[in-house]
C-alpha atoms as a PDB file:
ATOM      1  CA  MET A   1      -0.127  -7.872 -33.430  1.00  0.00           C
ATOM      2  CA  GLU A   2       1.677  -8.015 -30.087  1.00  0.00           C
ATOM      3  CA  LEU A   3       4.972  -7.436 -31.856  1.00  0.00           C
ATOM      4  CA  ILE A   4       3.686  -4.269 -33.532  1.00  0.00           C
ATOM      5  CA  ALA A   5       2.380  -2.945 -30.206  1.00  0.00           C
ATOM      6  CA  GLY A   6       5.709  -3.722 -28.548  1.00  0.00           C
ATOM      7  CA  ILE A   7       7.682  -1.952 -31.254  1.00  0.00           C
ATOM      8  CA  MET A   8       5.366   1.066 -31.049  1.00  0.00           C
ATOM      9  CA  LEU A   9       5.865   1.277 -27.274  1.00  0.00           C
ATOM     10  CA  ASP A  10       9.614   0.964 -27.728  1.00  0.00           C
ATOM     11  CA  VAL A  11       9.649   3.781 -30.286  1.00  0.00           C
ATOM     12  CA  PHE A  12       7.487   5.978 -28.029  1.00  0.00           C
ATOM     13  CA  PHE A  13       9.741   5.497 -24.984  1.00  0.00           C
ATOM     14  CA  PHE A  14      12.900   6.076 -27.039  1.00  0.00           C
ATOM     15  CA  ALA A  15      11.434   9.189 -28.706  1.00  0.00           C
ATOM     16  CA  ARG A  16      10.439  10.671 -25.329  1.00  0.00           C
ATOM     17  CA  PHE A  17      13.922   9.946 -23.955  1.00  0.00           C
ATOM     18  CA  ILE A  18      15.579  11.666 -26.957  1.00  0.00           C
ATOM     19  CA  TYR A  19      13.173  14.619 -26.689  1.00  0.00           C
ATOM     20  CA  ILE A  20      14.033  15.204 -23.023  1.00  0.00           C
ATOM     21  CA  LYS A  21      17.750  14.647 -23.698  1.00  0.00           C
ATOM     22  CA  THR A  22      17.902  17.240 -26.494  1.00  0.00           C
ATOM     23  CA  GLN A  23      15.323  19.854 -25.423  1.00  0.00           C
ATOM     24  CA  PHE A  24      15.959  20.043 -21.662  1.00  0.00           C
ATOM     25  CA  TYR A  25      18.964  20.631 -19.417  1.00  0.00           C
ATOM     26  CA  LYS A  26      19.502  19.241 -15.939  1.00  0.00           C
ATOM     27  CA  THR A  27      19.715  21.483 -12.899  1.00  0.00           C
ATOM     28  CA  LYS A  28      18.814  21.447  -9.242  1.00  0.00           C
ATOM     29  CA  GLY A  29      15.615  23.066  -8.035  1.00  0.00           C
ATOM     30  CA  ILE A  30      14.075  23.758  -4.642  1.00  0.00           C
ATOM     31  CA  ALA A  31      10.486  22.614  -4.236  1.00  0.00           C
ATOM     32  CA  ASN A  32       8.388  25.716  -3.645  1.00  0.00           C
ATOM     33  CA  GLY A  33       5.348  23.866  -2.409  1.00  0.00           C
ATOM     34  CA  ASN A  34       2.787  25.682  -4.542  1.00  0.00           C
ATOM     35  CA  ALA A  35       1.409  22.417  -5.781  1.00  0.00           C
ATOM     36  CA  ASN A  36      -1.971  21.878  -7.337  1.00  0.00           C
ATOM     37  CA  GLN A  37      -3.469  18.819  -8.912  1.00  0.00           C
ATOM     38  CA  TYR A  38      -1.538  19.081 -12.186  1.00  0.00           C
ATOM     39  CA  SER A  39       1.842  20.710 -11.514  1.00  0.00           C
ATOM     40  CA  SER A  40       4.363  21.710  -8.862  1.00  0.00           C
ATOM     41  CA  GLU A  41       6.626  24.733  -8.753  1.00  0.00           C
ATOM     42  CA  PHE A  42      10.397  24.603  -8.337  1.00  0.00           C
ATOM     43  CA  ILE A  43      12.731  27.566  -7.856  1.00  0.00           C
ATOM     44  CA  TYR A  44      16.124  27.329  -9.550  1.00  0.00           C
ATOM     45  CA  GLY A  45      18.910  29.685 -10.518  1.00  0.00           C
ATOM     46  CA  ASN A  46      20.443  30.105 -13.966  1.00  0.00           C
ATOM     47  CA  LYS A  47      23.086  32.688 -14.902  1.00  0.00           C
ATOM     48  CA  GLY A  48      22.313  34.877 -11.908  1.00  0.00           C
ATOM     49  CA  HIS A  49      18.531  34.804 -12.351  1.00  0.00           C
ATOM     50  CA  ASN A  50      15.982  32.896 -10.308  1.00  0.00           C
ATOM     51  CA  TYR A  51      13.160  31.189 -12.176  1.00  0.00           C
ATOM     52  CA  VAL A  52      10.006  29.430 -11.075  1.00  0.00           C
ATOM     53  CA  CYS A  53       9.621  26.263 -13.097  1.00  0.00           C
ATOM     54  CA  SER A  54       6.333  24.394 -13.312  1.00  0.00           C
ATOM     55  CA  VAL A  55       6.830  20.614 -13.324  1.00  0.00           C
ATOM     56  CA  LYS A  56       3.842  18.599 -14.494  1.00  0.00           C
ATOM     57  CA  LYS A  57       2.818  15.737 -12.274  1.00  0.00           C
ATOM     58  CA  ASN A  58       2.571  12.297 -13.824  1.00  0.00           C
ATOM     59  CA  ILE A  59       3.228   8.711 -12.809  1.00  0.00           C
ATOM     60  CA  PHE A  60       6.991   9.302 -13.059  1.00  0.00           C
ATOM     61  CA  SER A  61       7.079  12.357 -10.769  1.00  0.00           C
ATOM     62  CA  MET A  62       8.322  11.536  -7.345  1.00  0.00           C
ATOM     63  CA  TYR A  63       6.799  12.927  -4.184  1.00  0.00           C
ATOM     64  CA  HIS A  64       8.615  16.062  -3.039  1.00  0.00           C
ATOM     65  CA  GLU A  65       8.613  18.214   0.073  1.00  0.00           C
ATOM     66  CA  ARG A  66       8.730  22.002   0.236  1.00  0.00           C
ATOM     67  CA  GLY A  67      12.252  23.347   0.678  1.00  0.00           C
ATOM     68  CA  SER A  68      13.997  20.151  -0.445  1.00  0.00           C
ATOM     69  CA  VAL A  69      16.390  20.130  -3.399  1.00  0.00           C
ATOM     70  CA  TYR A  70      15.628  17.860  -6.377  1.00  0.00           C
ATOM     71  CA  ASN A  71      17.063  17.248  -9.831  1.00  0.00           C
ATOM     72  CA  ILE A  72      14.813  18.735 -12.473  1.00  0.00           C
ATOM     73  CA  CYS A  73      15.119  19.051 -16.245  1.00  0.00           C
ATOM     74  CA  VAL A  74      14.198  22.517 -17.533  1.00  0.00           C
ATOM     75  CA  LYS A  75      13.157  23.196 -21.121  1.00  0.00           C
ATOM     76  CA  LYS A  76      15.871  25.109 -22.999  1.00  0.00           C
ATOM     77  CA  ASP A  77      13.584  27.482 -24.903  1.00  0.00           C
ATOM     78  CA  ASN A  78      11.043  28.003 -22.090  1.00  0.00           C
ATOM     79  CA  PRO A  79      12.647  28.050 -18.624  1.00  0.00           C
ATOM     80  CA  TYR A  80       9.243  27.996 -16.925  1.00  0.00           C
ATOM     81  CA  ASN A  81       8.453  24.411 -17.965  1.00  0.00           C
ATOM     82  CA  GLY A  82      10.230  21.272 -16.851  1.00  0.00           C
ATOM     83  CA  VAL A  83      10.088  17.626 -15.872  1.00  0.00           C
ATOM     84  CA  MET A  84      11.459  15.735 -12.903  1.00  0.00           C
ATOM     85  CA  GLY A  85      15.086  14.678 -13.307  1.00  0.00           C
ATOM     86  CA  ASN A  86      14.312  10.977 -12.990  1.00  0.00           C
ATOM     87  CA  GLU A  87      11.808  10.983 -15.862  1.00  0.00           C
ATOM     88  CA  GLN A  88      14.520  10.790 -18.535  1.00  0.00           C
ATOM     89  CA  THR A  89      16.118   7.763 -16.864  1.00  0.00           C
ATOM     90  CA  ILE A  90      12.774   5.997 -16.510  1.00  0.00           C
ATOM     91  CA  TYR A  91      11.988   6.421 -20.221  1.00  0.00           C
ATOM     92  CA  MET A  92      15.441   5.084 -21.102  1.00  0.00           C
ATOM     93  CA  ILE A  93      14.926   2.000 -18.906  1.00  0.00           C
ATOM     94  CA  LEU A  94      11.434   1.392 -20.314  1.00  0.00           C
ATOM     95  CA  GLY A  95      12.761   1.721 -23.883  1.00  0.00           C
ATOM     96  CA  ILE A  96      15.542  -0.816 -23.236  1.00  0.00           C
ATOM     97  CA  MET A  97      13.141  -3.153 -21.456  1.00  0.00           C
ATOM     98  CA  TRP A  98      10.614  -3.134 -24.328  1.00  0.00           C
ATOM     99  CA  PHE A  99      13.431  -3.616 -26.857  1.00  0.00           C
ATOM    100  CA  VAL A 100      14.585  -6.728 -24.966  1.00  0.00           C
ATOM    101  CA  PHE A 101      11.001  -8.033 -24.857  1.00  0.00           C
ATOM    102  CA  ASP A 102      10.644  -7.438 -28.611  1.00  0.00           C
ATOM    103  CA  VAL A 103      13.880  -9.319 -29.349  1.00  0.00           C
ATOM    104  CA  LEU A 104      12.826 -12.214 -27.117  1.00  0.00           C
ATOM    105  CA  TYR A 105       9.412 -12.347 -28.779  1.00  0.00           C
ATOM    106  CA  ILE A 106      10.977 -12.385 -32.273  1.00  0.00           C
ATOM    107  CA  THR A 107      13.377 -15.138 -31.118  1.00  0.00           C
ATOM    108  CA  ILE A 108      10.500 -17.221 -29.783  1.00  0.00           C
ATOM    109  CA  LEU A 109       8.565 -16.760 -33.033  1.00  0.00           C
ATOM    110  CA  ALA A 110      11.638 -17.758 -35.073  1.00  0.00           C
ATOM    111  CA  LEU A 111      12.285 -20.855 -32.950  1.00  0.00           C
ATOM    112  CA  ASP A 112       8.617 -21.816 -33.131  1.00  0.00           C
ATOM    113  CA  GLY A 113       8.744 -21.449 -36.912  1.00  0.00           C
ATOM    114  CA  LEU A 114      11.724 -23.818 -37.105  1.00  0.00           C
ATOM    115  CA  ASN A 115       9.830 -26.560 -35.294  1.00  0.00           C
END
């Protein structure tokens, strides 16, 4: 049962990483400071236009100060939605970590079966 849960977590983290990698592009944004409980606004420029991007807050969003520049990932088909730039890296690390744990668990089960 633990192995199935581990594989499901690994697939979830890898799928989220691939989703952000393919559907978003990285840019720099200035924190606007209009933050509420669920999202923060960032101003960024693209092809001569300025956009206000709403970045949802979650456990992977870092604390940011108004006027500071941060890496953000903006959705390609909707430039008003985005995620923090470090979120993609965190999902990649979590996916690799869970994959290593799954391989170690399978190895332990195999070695236990040989004894």
